[in-house]
């Protein structure tokens, strides 16, 4: 069965919802935020909602499930996609643009002694130093060196690169929300059987603590693929199909393998709980279909000479370089 891309050519968004439930029991632990804790808020109907997982976190999780850590490479169906790898002086792998939160804007890529990638970007994007940013050209350069970043967004916040104005918003966004939540309070004690009354500031003694989990009758993962933005890159049909299939593969694999969000937040998709809400009637491809299709889609884009050769661009990072580097200020607003 082939993937039906034709039905997506005129729709602006591909929206997917997945109904989730705890793998065991009823309680789950949501994400927490500094000085805030869990994000509980009132819904439009007065019901209590809870942000179980944020868009920033899910962007990172959708990338991690695509990486084969033991082999330090893409998962098998994605091999051949371009990326930038960072190695140390001995040639050992340190990180890469799939795992780095800021992707090509990672300080390990742009702030070290090895300026090769910085110089490539500066040269290929030099005509944007003045005037409006050419989004299509920026997208073509990102496709060439770090295809994955087209889906998750990038902000090259360096003044030497078009004055720090080079930015692509996310194509794929996602979050998990629970509805009609109720607090499940509990607690415990860290026991010290040697000296229960020891100095707790130094890690000794018995230390009681409280814990807040939640229950909810409805937990939903929401996924939004901005098809209009993919088409707006102006990169052609082969690239559009590759990016769409890659986004769908990430979602499928995350729902299959990535739902253990925390020790106390292990979820699964409910039976018949996966639904495409836009466009109506479109059938979400199975993971096996996507795995079968992706190598051919990658090869089709490569045949158009859209990828860097070699596909892996290597940058050397030397320990201690971070002391000399002076990164640009500014927040990463588009990446995970």
C-alpha atoms as a PDB file:
ATOM      1  CA  UNK A   1       0.000   0.000   0.000  1.00  0.00           C
ATOM      2  CA  UNK A   2       1.441   3.362  -1.063  1.00  0.00           C
ATOM      3  CA  UNK A   3       1.191   6.528   0.968  1.00  0.00           C
ATOM      4  CA  UNK A   4      -1.505   8.914  -0.279  1.00  0.00           C
ATOM      5  CA  UNK A   5       0.239  12.283  -0.523  1.00  0.00           C
ATOM      6  CA  UNK A   6      -2.189  13.690  -3.108  1.00  0.00           C
ATOM      7  CA  UNK A   7      -4.901  14.400  -0.538  1.00  0.00           C
ATOM      8  CA  UNK A   8      -2.455  16.599   1.388  1.00  0.00           C
ATOM      9  CA  UNK A   9      -1.521  18.908  -1.486  1.00  0.00           C
ATOM     10  CA  UNK A  10      -4.201  21.517  -0.763  1.00  0.00           C
ATOM     11  CA  UNK A  11      -4.757  21.241   2.981  1.00  0.00           C
ATOM     12  CA  UNK A  12      -2.849  23.658   5.264  1.00  0.00           C
ATOM     13  CA  UNK A  13      -2.502  21.382   8.306  1.00  0.00           C
ATOM     14  CA  UNK A  14      -2.357  17.697   9.087  1.00  0.00           C
ATOM     15  CA  UNK A  15      -3.791  17.269  12.594  1.00  0.00           C
ATOM     16  CA  UNK A  16      -3.519  14.049  14.603  1.00  0.00           C
ATOM     17  CA  UNK A  17      -4.789  13.158  18.069  1.00  0.00           C
ATOM     18  CA  UNK A  18      -3.882  10.136  20.183  1.00  0.00           C
ATOM     19  CA  UNK A  19      -5.884   9.160  23.273  1.00  0.00           C
ATOM     20  CA  UNK A  20      -3.491   7.945  25.960  1.00  0.00           C
ATOM     21  CA  UNK A  21      -3.779   6.130  29.270  1.00  0.00           C
ATOM     22  CA  UNK A  22      -1.351   5.146  32.034  1.00  0.00           C
ATOM     23  CA  UNK A  23       0.266   1.811  31.312  1.00  0.00           C
ATOM     24  CA  UNK A  24      -0.413   0.720  34.900  1.00  0.00           C
ATOM     25  CA  UNK A  25      -2.740   2.138  37.508  1.00  0.00           C
ATOM     26  CA  UNK A  26      -4.353   5.553  37.229  1.00  0.00           C
ATOM     27  CA  UNK A  27      -1.739   8.050  38.421  1.00  0.00           C
ATOM     28  CA  UNK A  28       0.823   9.864  36.268  1.00  0.00           C
ATOM     29  CA  UNK A  29       3.467  12.517  36.852  1.00  0.00           C
ATOM     30  CA  UNK A  30       3.357  15.579  34.552  1.00  0.00           C
ATOM     31  CA  UNK A  31       6.251  17.718  33.467  1.00  0.00           C
ATOM     32  CA  UNK A  32       7.277  20.450  35.935  1.00  0.00           C
ATOM     33  CA  UNK A  33       8.484  23.993  35.422  1.00  0.00           C
ATOM     34  CA  UNK A  34      10.883  26.095  37.564  1.00  0.00           C
ATOM     35  CA  UNK A  35       9.077  28.169  40.206  1.00  0.00           C
ATOM     36  CA  UNK A  36       5.767  26.779  38.957  1.00  0.00           C
ATOM     37  CA  UNK A  37       5.651  23.014  39.258  1.00  0.00           C
ATOM     38  CA  UNK A  38       2.913  21.333  37.288  1.00  0.00           C
ATOM     39  CA  UNK A  39       1.033  23.515  34.777  1.00  0.00           C
ATOM     40  CA  UNK A  40      -2.628  23.257  35.836  1.00  0.00           C
ATOM     41  CA  UNK A  41      -5.054  25.728  34.274  1.00  0.00           C
ATOM     42  CA  UNK A  42      -8.737  26.334  33.583  1.00  0.00           C
ATOM     43  CA  UNK A  43     -10.164  25.174  30.283  1.00  0.00           C
ATOM     44  CA  UNK A  44     -12.736  27.154  28.288  1.00  0.00           C
ATOM     45  CA  UNK A  45     -15.560  25.210  29.947  1.00  0.00           C
ATOM     46  CA  UNK A  46     -14.183  25.640  33.435  1.00  0.00           C
ATOM     47  CA  UNK A  47     -12.697  22.145  33.548  1.00  0.00           C
ATOM     48  CA  UNK A  48      -9.224  21.694  34.979  1.00  0.00           C
ATOM     49  CA  UNK A  49      -6.541  21.008  32.377  1.00  0.00           C
ATOM     50  CA  UNK A  50      -2.953  19.876  32.881  1.00  0.00           C
ATOM     51  CA  UNK A  51       0.016  20.148  30.538  1.00  0.00           C
ATOM     52  CA  UNK A  52       1.515  16.662  30.705  1.00  0.00           C
ATOM     53  CA  UNK A  53       4.286  17.380  28.192  1.00  0.00           C
ATOM     54  CA  UNK A  54       5.267  20.670  26.556  1.00  0.00           C
ATOM     55  CA  UNK A  55       5.894  21.453  22.896  1.00  0.00           C
ATOM     56  CA  UNK A  56       9.592  22.015  23.593  1.00  0.00           C
ATOM     57  CA  UNK A  57       9.983  18.652  25.273  1.00  0.00           C
ATOM     58  CA  UNK A  58       8.055  16.766  22.611  1.00  0.00           C
ATOM     59  CA  UNK A  59      10.189  18.306  19.860  1.00  0.00           C
ATOM     60  CA  UNK A  60      13.231  16.770  21.506  1.00  0.00           C
ATOM     61  CA  UNK A  61      11.475  13.431  22.069  1.00  0.00           C
ATOM     62  CA  UNK A  62      10.396  13.244  18.429  1.00  0.00           C
ATOM     63  CA  UNK A  63      14.065  13.541  17.484  1.00  0.00           C
ATOM     64  CA  UNK A  64      15.502  11.118  20.023  1.00  0.00           C
ATOM     65  CA  UNK A  65      13.282   8.238  18.872  1.00  0.00           C
ATOM     66  CA  UNK A  66      14.829   8.575  15.400  1.00  0.00           C
ATOM     67  CA  UNK A  67      18.408   8.148  16.615  1.00  0.00           C
ATOM     68  CA  UNK A  68      20.140   4.757  16.967  1.00  0.00           C
ATOM     69  CA  UNK A  69      22.383   5.591  19.932  1.00  0.00           C
ATOM     70  CA  UNK A  70      24.406   2.318  20.055  1.00  0.00           C
ATOM     71  CA  UNK A  71      25.397   2.752  16.395  1.00  0.00           C
ATOM     72  CA  UNK A  72      25.593   6.564  16.579  1.00  0.00           C
ATOM     73  CA  UNK A  73      23.486   6.900  13.459  1.00  0.00           C
ATOM     74  CA  UNK A  74      19.985   7.491  12.210  1.00  0.00           C
ATOM     75  CA  UNK A  75      17.453   4.719  12.691  1.00  0.00           C
ATOM     76  CA  UNK A  76      17.663   2.391   9.695  1.00  0.00           C
ATOM     77  CA  UNK A  77      14.848   3.908   7.554  1.00  0.00           C
ATOM     78  CA  UNK A  78      16.366   7.391   7.913  1.00  0.00           C
ATOM     79  CA  UNK A  79      19.965   6.628   7.053  1.00  0.00           C
ATOM     80  CA  UNK A  80      21.252   8.946   4.355  1.00  0.00           C
ATOM     81  CA  UNK A  81      19.698  12.092   5.780  1.00  0.00           C
ATOM     82  CA  UNK A  82      22.249  14.903   6.243  1.00  0.00           C
ATOM     83  CA  UNK A  83      23.339  16.062   9.698  1.00  0.00           C
ATOM     84  CA  UNK A  84      26.292  17.635  11.480  1.00  0.00           C
ATOM     85  CA  UNK A  85      28.301  15.532  13.938  1.00  0.00           C
ATOM     86  CA  UNK A  86      30.589  16.878  16.639  1.00  0.00           C
ATOM     87  CA  UNK A  87      33.699  14.893  17.565  1.00  0.00           C
ATOM     88  CA  UNK A  88      36.462  15.421  20.134  1.00  0.00           C
ATOM     89  CA  UNK A  89      40.214  15.637  19.445  1.00  0.00           C
ATOM     90  CA  UNK A  90      40.470  11.836  19.440  1.00  0.00           C
ATOM     91  CA  UNK A  91      37.660  11.528  16.902  1.00  0.00           C
ATOM     92  CA  UNK A  92      35.101  10.185  19.376  1.00  0.00           C
ATOM     93  CA  UNK A  93      31.498  11.292  18.877  1.00  0.00           C
ATOM     94  CA  UNK A  94      30.228  13.968  21.292  1.00  0.00           C
ATOM     95  CA  UNK A  95      26.878  15.099  19.914  1.00  0.00           C
ATOM     96  CA  UNK A  96      25.057  15.952  16.678  1.00  0.00           C
ATOM     97  CA  UNK A  97      22.337  18.197  15.305  1.00  0.00           C
ATOM     98  CA  UNK A  98      19.628  15.588  15.888  1.00  0.00           C
ATOM     99  CA  UNK A  99      20.310  15.508  19.631  1.00  0.00           C
ATOM    100  CA  UNK A 100      21.278  19.145  20.181  1.00  0.00           C
ATOM    101  CA  UNK A 101      18.377  21.314  21.374  1.00  0.00           C
ATOM    102  CA  UNK A 102      19.470  24.218  19.152  1.00  0.00           C
ATOM    103  CA  UNK A 103      20.426  22.000  16.207  1.00  0.00           C
ATOM    104  CA  UNK A 104      22.698  23.920  13.797  1.00  0.00           C
ATOM    105  CA  UNK A 105      22.823  26.772  16.306  1.00  0.00           C
ATOM    106  CA  UNK A 106      24.497  24.497  18.875  1.00  0.00           C
ATOM    107  CA  UNK A 107      27.495  26.159  20.550  1.00  0.00           C
ATOM    108  CA  UNK A 108      29.439  22.929  19.963  1.00  0.00           C
ATOM    109  CA  UNK A 109      29.083  23.612  16.235  1.00  0.00           C
ATOM    110  CA  UNK A 110      29.332  27.394  15.954  1.00  0.00           C
ATOM    111  CA  UNK A 111      31.338  28.482  19.012  1.00  0.00           C
ATOM    112  CA  UNK A 112      34.433  26.265  18.912  1.00  0.00           C
ATOM    113  CA  UNK A 113      37.827  26.645  17.242  1.00  0.00           C
ATOM    114  CA  UNK A 114      36.608  24.635  14.253  1.00  0.00           C
ATOM    115  CA  UNK A 115      34.742  27.243  12.206  1.00  0.00           C
ATOM    116  CA  UNK A 116      34.048  25.036   9.186  1.00  0.00           C
ATOM    117  CA  UNK A 117      30.249  24.923   9.536  1.00  0.00           C
ATOM    118  CA  UNK A 118      30.072  28.561  10.600  1.00  0.00           C
ATOM    119  CA  UNK A 119      32.064  29.513   7.488  1.00  0.00           C
ATOM    120  CA  UNK A 120      29.833  27.366   5.250  1.00  0.00           C
ATOM    121  CA  UNK A 121      26.693  29.039   6.588  1.00  0.00           C
ATOM    122  CA  UNK A 122      28.217  32.501   6.354  1.00  0.00           C
ATOM    123  CA  UNK A 123      29.212  31.920   2.731  1.00  0.00           C
ATOM    124  CA  UNK A 124      25.970  30.303   1.557  1.00  0.00           C
ATOM    125  CA  UNK A 125      23.785  32.894   3.297  1.00  0.00           C
ATOM    126  CA  UNK A 126      25.961  35.948   2.656  1.00  0.00           C
ATOM    127  CA  UNK A 127      23.422  37.671   0.402  1.00  0.00           C
ATOM    128  CA  UNK A 128      21.013  38.005   3.342  1.00  0.00           C
ATOM    129  CA  UNK A 129      23.242  40.312   5.379  1.00  0.00           C
ATOM    130  CA  UNK A 130      20.998  43.174   4.266  1.00  0.00           C
ATOM    131  CA  UNK A 131      17.376  43.238   3.215  1.00  0.00           C
ATOM    132  CA  UNK A 132      14.689  40.651   3.918  1.00  0.00           C
ATOM    133  CA  UNK A 133      15.585  37.060   4.733  1.00  0.00           C
ATOM    134  CA  UNK A 134      14.988  34.698   1.811  1.00  0.00           C
ATOM    135  CA  UNK A 135      13.140  31.896   3.619  1.00  0.00           C
ATOM    136  CA  UNK A 136      13.317  29.591   0.603  1.00  0.00           C
ATOM    137  CA  UNK A 137      17.072  29.903   0.308  1.00  0.00           C
ATOM    138  CA  UNK A 138      17.514  29.454   4.057  1.00  0.00           C
ATOM    139  CA  UNK A 139      15.344  26.335   3.907  1.00  0.00           C
ATOM    140  CA  UNK A 140      17.415  24.949   1.016  1.00  0.00           C
ATOM    141  CA  UNK A 141      20.637  25.400   3.013  1.00  0.00           C
ATOM    142  CA  UNK A 142      19.139  23.792   6.117  1.00  0.00           C
ATOM    143  CA  UNK A 143      17.846  20.903   3.992  1.00  0.00           C
ATOM    144  CA  UNK A 144      21.346  20.425   2.615  1.00  0.00           C
ATOM    145  CA  UNK A 145      23.157  20.137   5.935  1.00  0.00           C
ATOM    146  CA  UNK A 146      20.547  19.325   8.616  1.00  0.00           C
ATOM    147  CA  UNK A 147      17.277  18.186   7.038  1.00  0.00           C
ATOM    148  CA  UNK A 148      15.705  17.348  10.391  1.00  0.00           C
ATOM    149  CA  UNK A 149      15.874  21.011  11.461  1.00  0.00           C
ATOM    150  CA  UNK A 150      13.316  21.938   8.801  1.00  0.00           C
ATOM    151  CA  UNK A 151      10.710  20.078  10.843  1.00  0.00           C
ATOM    152  CA  UNK A 152      11.637  21.320  14.303  1.00  0.00           C
ATOM    153  CA  UNK A 153      12.727  24.886  13.621  1.00  0.00           C
ATOM    154  CA  UNK A 154      15.975  26.756  13.899  1.00  0.00           C
ATOM    155  CA  UNK A 155      17.196  30.166  15.009  1.00  0.00           C
ATOM    156  CA  UNK A 156      20.738  31.072  13.980  1.00  0.00           C
ATOM    157  CA  UNK A 157      21.153  33.758  16.615  1.00  0.00           C
ATOM    158  CA  UNK A 158      24.552  35.077  15.589  1.00  0.00           C
ATOM    159  CA  UNK A 159      25.099  38.631  14.429  1.00  0.00           C
ATOM    160  CA  UNK A 160      27.623  37.493  11.804  1.00  0.00           C
ATOM    161  CA  UNK A 161      24.875  35.454  10.094  1.00  0.00           C
ATOM    162  CA  UNK A 162      22.471  37.998   8.597  1.00  0.00           C
ATOM    163  CA  UNK A 163      22.451  39.958  11.823  1.00  0.00           C
ATOM    164  CA  UNK A 164      20.968  37.077  13.792  1.00  0.00           C
ATOM    165  CA  UNK A 165      17.730  37.160  11.767  1.00  0.00           C
ATOM    166  CA  UNK A 166      17.837  33.644  10.303  1.00  0.00           C
ATOM    167  CA  UNK A 167      14.876  31.809  11.728  1.00  0.00           C
ATOM    168  CA  UNK A 168      12.540  29.005  10.685  1.00  0.00           C
ATOM    169  CA  UNK A 169       9.518  28.175  12.873  1.00  0.00           C
ATOM    170  CA  UNK A 170       8.484  24.624  13.656  1.00  0.00           C
ATOM    171  CA  UNK A 171       6.709  22.579  11.009  1.00  0.00           C
ATOM    172  CA  UNK A 172       5.864  19.859  13.535  1.00  0.00           C
ATOM    173  CA  UNK A 173       4.457  20.873  16.905  1.00  0.00           C
ATOM    174  CA  UNK A 174       3.009  18.632  19.590  1.00  0.00           C
ATOM    175  CA  UNK A 175       1.933  18.586  23.218  1.00  0.00           C
ATOM    176  CA  UNK A 176       0.144  16.288  25.650  1.00  0.00           C
ATOM    177  CA  UNK A 177      -2.757  17.590  27.705  1.00  0.00           C
ATOM    178  CA  UNK A 178      -4.965  15.970  30.350  1.00  0.00           C
ATOM    179  CA  UNK A 179      -8.560  17.022  31.017  1.00  0.00           C
ATOM    180  CA  UNK A 180     -10.622  17.157  34.230  1.00  0.00           C
ATOM    181  CA  UNK A 181      -7.556  16.382  36.328  1.00  0.00           C
ATOM    182  CA  UNK A 182      -7.527  15.580  40.005  1.00  0.00           C
ATOM    183  CA  UNK A 183      -4.588  15.805  42.364  1.00  0.00           C
ATOM    184  CA  UNK A 184      -3.201  12.558  43.791  1.00  0.00           C
ATOM    185  CA  UNK A 185      -0.994  13.518  46.735  1.00  0.00           C
ATOM    186  CA  UNK A 186       1.434  11.125  48.350  1.00  0.00           C
ATOM    187  CA  UNK A 187       4.892  11.176  49.873  1.00  0.00           C
ATOM    188  CA  UNK A 188       7.653   9.181  51.439  1.00  0.00           C
ATOM    189  CA  UNK A 189      10.858   9.268  53.446  1.00  0.00           C
ATOM    190  CA  UNK A 190      14.472   8.929  52.388  1.00  0.00           C
ATOM    191  CA  UNK A 191      15.722   6.684  55.185  1.00  0.00           C
ATOM    192  CA  UNK A 192      19.175   6.708  56.750  1.00  0.00           C
ATOM    193  CA  UNK A 193      19.434   3.484  58.753  1.00  0.00           C
ATOM    194  CA  UNK A 194      22.935   4.422  59.971  1.00  0.00           C
ATOM    195  CA  UNK A 195      22.227   7.880  61.408  1.00  0.00           C
ATOM    196  CA  UNK A 196      18.545   8.904  61.127  1.00  0.00           C
ATOM    197  CA  UNK A 197      19.205  12.255  62.799  1.00  0.00           C
ATOM    198  CA  UNK A 198      22.230  13.158  60.674  1.00  0.00           C
ATOM    199  CA  UNK A 199      22.809  16.462  58.894  1.00  0.00           C
ATOM    200  CA  UNK A 200      20.250  16.438  56.064  1.00  0.00           C
ATOM    201  CA  UNK A 201      22.003  19.350  54.328  1.00  0.00           C
ATOM    202  CA  UNK A 202      24.897  16.976  53.664  1.00  0.00           C
ATOM    203  CA  UNK A 203      22.706  14.081  52.583  1.00  0.00           C
ATOM    204  CA  UNK A 204      22.488  12.282  55.934  1.00  0.00           C
ATOM    205  CA  UNK A 205      19.438  11.588  58.111  1.00  0.00           C
ATOM    206  CA  UNK A 206      15.827  10.720  57.392  1.00  0.00           C
ATOM    207  CA  UNK A 207      14.224  13.150  54.933  1.00  0.00           C
ATOM    208  CA  UNK A 208      10.425  13.174  54.466  1.00  0.00           C
ATOM    209  CA  UNK A 209       9.046  14.520  51.190  1.00  0.00           C
ATOM    210  CA  UNK A 210       5.699  15.109  49.499  1.00  0.00           C
ATOM    211  CA  UNK A 211       4.724  14.169  45.978  1.00  0.00           C
ATOM    212  CA  UNK A 212       1.996  15.374  43.612  1.00  0.00           C
ATOM    213  CA  UNK A 213       0.749  13.075  40.865  1.00  0.00           C
ATOM    214  CA  UNK A 214      -2.519  13.395  38.932  1.00  0.00           C
ATOM    215  CA  UNK A 215      -5.373  11.336  37.578  1.00  0.00           C
ATOM    216  CA  UNK A 216      -7.515  12.189  34.566  1.00  0.00           C
ATOM    217  CA  UNK A 217     -10.277  10.508  32.553  1.00  0.00           C
ATOM    218  CA  UNK A 218      -8.796  11.890  29.325  1.00  0.00           C
ATOM    219  CA  UNK A 219      -5.152  12.296  28.262  1.00  0.00           C
ATOM    220  CA  UNK A 220      -4.531  13.360  24.680  1.00  0.00           C
ATOM    221  CA  UNK A 221      -1.417  13.848  22.560  1.00  0.00           C
ATOM    222  CA  UNK A 222      -1.908  16.473  19.848  1.00  0.00           C
ATOM    223  CA  UNK A 223       0.261  16.667  16.698  1.00  0.00           C
ATOM    224  CA  UNK A 224       0.220  19.451  14.104  1.00  0.00           C
ATOM    225  CA  UNK A 225       2.131  19.192  10.808  1.00  0.00           C
ATOM    226  CA  UNK A 226       2.173  22.528   8.989  1.00  0.00           C
ATOM    227  CA  UNK A 227       1.838  21.379   5.373  1.00  0.00           C
ATOM    228  CA  UNK A 228       1.438  24.952   4.119  1.00  0.00           C
ATOM    229  CA  UNK A 229       4.842  25.826   5.551  1.00  0.00           C
ATOM    230  CA  UNK A 230       6.426  22.756   3.956  1.00  0.00           C
ATOM    231  CA  UNK A 231       5.055  23.864   0.583  1.00  0.00           C
ATOM    232  CA  UNK A 232       6.120  27.430   1.324  1.00  0.00           C
ATOM    233  CA  UNK A 233       9.762  26.365   1.448  1.00  0.00           C
ATOM    234  CA  UNK A 234       9.503  26.005  -2.326  1.00  0.00           C
ATOM    235  CA  UNK A 235      11.740  22.939  -2.389  1.00  0.00           C
ATOM    236  CA  UNK A 236       9.658  20.809  -4.721  1.00  0.00           C
ATOM    237  CA  UNK A 237       7.412  17.772  -4.498  1.00  0.00           C
ATOM    238  CA  UNK A 238      10.120  15.245  -3.619  1.00  0.00           C
ATOM    239  CA  UNK A 239      11.224  17.265  -0.598  1.00  0.00           C
ATOM    240  CA  UNK A 240       7.628  17.919   0.464  1.00  0.00           C
ATOM    241  CA  UNK A 241       6.861  14.206   0.464  1.00  0.00           C
ATOM    242  CA  UNK A 242      10.073  13.371   2.335  1.00  0.00           C
ATOM    243  CA  UNK A 243       9.405  15.949   5.065  1.00  0.00           C
ATOM    244  CA  UNK A 244       5.806  14.822   5.458  1.00  0.00           C
ATOM    245  CA  UNK A 245       6.762  11.147   5.694  1.00  0.00           C
ATOM    246  CA  UNK A 246       9.588  11.949   8.113  1.00  0.00           C
ATOM    247  CA  UNK A 247       7.186  13.867  10.377  1.00  0.00           C
ATOM    248  CA  UNK A 248       4.687  10.995  10.328  1.00  0.00           C
ATOM    249  CA  UNK A 249       7.414   8.463  11.077  1.00  0.00           C
ATOM    250  CA  UNK A 250       8.528  10.487  14.085  1.00  0.00           C
ATOM    251  CA  UNK A 251       4.969  10.549  15.415  1.00  0.00           C
ATOM    252  CA  UNK A 252       4.391   6.848  14.819  1.00  0.00           C
ATOM    253  CA  UNK A 253       7.660   5.847  16.451  1.00  0.00           C
ATOM    254  CA  UNK A 254       7.156   8.156  19.422  1.00  0.00           C
ATOM    255  CA  UNK A 255       3.717   6.670  20.080  1.00  0.00           C
ATOM    256  CA  UNK A 256       5.172   3.171  19.756  1.00  0.00           C
ATOM    257  CA  UNK A 257       8.351   3.599  21.788  1.00  0.00           C
ATOM    258  CA  UNK A 258       8.642   7.047  23.384  1.00  0.00           C
ATOM    259  CA  UNK A 259       5.728   7.283  25.819  1.00  0.00           C
ATOM    260  CA  UNK A 260       7.722   6.489  28.951  1.00  0.00           C
ATOM    261  CA  UNK A 261       8.077  10.175  29.678  1.00  0.00           C
ATOM    262  CA  UNK A 262       9.224   9.776  33.277  1.00  0.00           C
ATOM    263  CA  UNK A 263       9.486   6.941  35.800  1.00  0.00           C
ATOM    264  CA  UNK A 264       6.014   7.800  37.063  1.00  0.00           C
ATOM    265  CA  UNK A 265       4.586   8.753  33.666  1.00  0.00           C
ATOM    266  CA  UNK A 266       4.471   5.679  31.463  1.00  0.00           C
ATOM    267  CA  UNK A 267       1.663   5.935  28.929  1.00  0.00           C
ATOM    268  CA  UNK A 268       0.239   3.979  26.000  1.00  0.00           C
ATOM    269  CA  UNK A 269      -2.164   4.690  23.159  1.00  0.00           C
ATOM    270  CA  UNK A 270      -5.668   3.439  23.834  1.00  0.00           C
ATOM    271  CA  UNK A 271      -7.129   0.854  21.485  1.00  0.00           C
ATOM    272  CA  UNK A 272      -8.526   2.684  18.444  1.00  0.00           C
ATOM    273  CA  UNK A 273      -7.285   5.884  20.073  1.00  0.00           C
ATOM    274  CA  UNK A 274      -5.407   7.333  17.078  1.00  0.00           C
ATOM    275  CA  UNK A 275      -7.326   9.789  14.902  1.00  0.00           C
ATOM    276  CA  UNK A 276      -6.614  12.147  12.004  1.00  0.00           C
ATOM    277  CA  UNK A 277      -8.858  15.172  12.555  1.00  0.00           C
ATOM    278  CA  UNK A 278      -7.693  17.121   9.453  1.00  0.00           C
ATOM    279  CA  UNK A 279      -8.071  16.462   6.606  1.00  0.00           C
ATOM    280  CA  UNK A 280     -11.205  14.462   7.278  1.00  0.00           C
ATOM    281  CA  UNK A 281     -11.078  10.905   5.996  1.00  0.00           C
ATOM    282  CA  UNK A 282      -7.310  10.773   5.430  1.00  0.00           C
ATOM    283  CA  UNK A 283      -5.771   7.519   6.612  1.00  0.00           C
ATOM    284  CA  UNK A 284      -2.616   7.697   8.706  1.00  0.00           C
ATOM    285  CA  UNK A 285       0.028   5.355   7.242  1.00  0.00           C
ATOM    286  CA  UNK A 286       1.245   2.494   9.381  1.00  0.00           C
ATOM    287  CA  UNK A 287       4.783   2.651  10.692  1.00  0.00           C
ATOM    288  CA  UNK A 288       5.786  -0.256   8.434  1.00  0.00           C
ATOM    289  CA  UNK A 289       4.552   1.685   5.382  1.00  0.00           C
ATOM    290  CA  UNK A 290       6.621   4.707   6.370  1.00  0.00           C
ATOM    291  CA  UNK A 291       9.710   2.586   7.041  1.00  0.00           C
ATOM    292  CA  UNK A 292       9.347   1.046   3.602  1.00  0.00           C
ATOM    293  CA  UNK A 293       8.817   4.375   1.838  1.00  0.00           C
ATOM    294  CA  UNK A 294      11.442   6.585   3.499  1.00  0.00           C
ATOM    295  CA  UNK A 295      14.629   5.154   1.894  1.00  0.00           C
ATOM    296  CA  UNK A 296      13.153   5.768  -1.563  1.00  0.00           C
ATOM    297  CA  UNK A 297      12.027   9.278  -0.633  1.00  0.00           C
ATOM    298  CA  UNK A 298      15.519  10.086   0.691  1.00  0.00           C
ATOM    299  CA  UNK A 299      17.066   8.714  -2.507  1.00  0.00           C
ATOM    300  CA  UNK A 300      14.720  10.825  -4.659  1.00  0.00           C
ATOM    301  CA  UNK A 301      15.815  14.051  -2.945  1.00  0.00           C
ATOM    302  CA  UNK A 302      19.468  12.993  -3.126  1.00  0.00           C
ATOM    303  CA  UNK A 303      19.056  12.457  -6.863  1.00  0.00           C
ATOM    304  CA  UNK A 304      18.149  16.153  -7.136  1.00  0.00           C
ATOM    305  CA  UNK A 305      21.525  17.033  -5.532  1.00  0.00           C
ATOM    306  CA  UNK A 306      19.792  18.683  -2.566  1.00  0.00           C
ATOM    307  CA  UNK A 307      22.012  17.075   0.108  1.00  0.00           C
ATOM    308  CA  UNK A 308      25.573  17.846   1.152  1.00  0.00           C
ATOM    309  CA  UNK A 309      28.164  15.278   0.114  1.00  0.00           C
ATOM    310  CA  UNK A 310      29.294  13.630   2.242  1.00  0.00           C
ATOM    311  CA  UNK A 311      25.964  13.590   4.071  1.00  0.00           C
ATOM    312  CA  UNK A 312      27.644  13.863   7.483  1.00  0.00           C
ATOM    313  CA  UNK A 313      29.448  17.146   8.099  1.00  0.00           C
ATOM    314  CA  UNK A 314      31.994  16.765  10.900  1.00  0.00           C
ATOM    315  CA  UNK A 315      33.027  19.468  13.388  1.00  0.00           C
ATOM    316  CA  UNK A 316      35.809  19.053  15.951  1.00  0.00           C
ATOM    317  CA  UNK A 317      35.213  20.354  19.472  1.00  0.00           C
ATOM    318  CA  UNK A 318      38.137  20.816  21.827  1.00  0.00           C
ATOM    319  CA  UNK A 319      37.620  20.673  25.563  1.00  0.00           C
ATOM    320  CA  UNK A 320      38.002  24.111  27.092  1.00  0.00           C
ATOM    321  CA  UNK A 321      36.850  25.925  23.974  1.00  0.00           C
ATOM    322  CA  UNK A 322      33.683  26.938  25.805  1.00  0.00           C
ATOM    323  CA  UNK A 323      35.789  29.191  28.052  1.00  0.00           C
ATOM    324  CA  UNK A 324      36.923  31.193  25.044  1.00  0.00           C
ATOM    325  CA  UNK A 325      33.674  31.162  23.133  1.00  0.00           C
ATOM    326  CA  UNK A 326      31.383  34.176  23.405  1.00  0.00           C
ATOM    327  CA  UNK A 327      27.938  32.990  22.349  1.00  0.00           C
ATOM    328  CA  UNK A 328      25.344  35.421  21.186  1.00  0.00           C
ATOM    329  CA  UNK A 329      22.592  36.372  23.609  1.00  0.00           C
ATOM    330  CA  UNK A 330      18.983  35.637  22.798  1.00  0.00           C
ATOM    331  CA  UNK A 331      16.569  32.805  23.417  1.00  0.00           C
ATOM    332  CA  UNK A 332      16.004  29.790  21.207  1.00  0.00           C
ATOM    333  CA  UNK A 333      12.359  30.327  20.374  1.00  0.00           C
ATOM    334  CA  UNK A 334      11.857  27.776  17.611  1.00  0.00           C
ATOM    335  CA  UNK A 335      13.853  24.753  18.616  1.00  0.00           C
ATOM    336  CA  UNK A 336      13.059  22.214  21.280  1.00  0.00           C
END
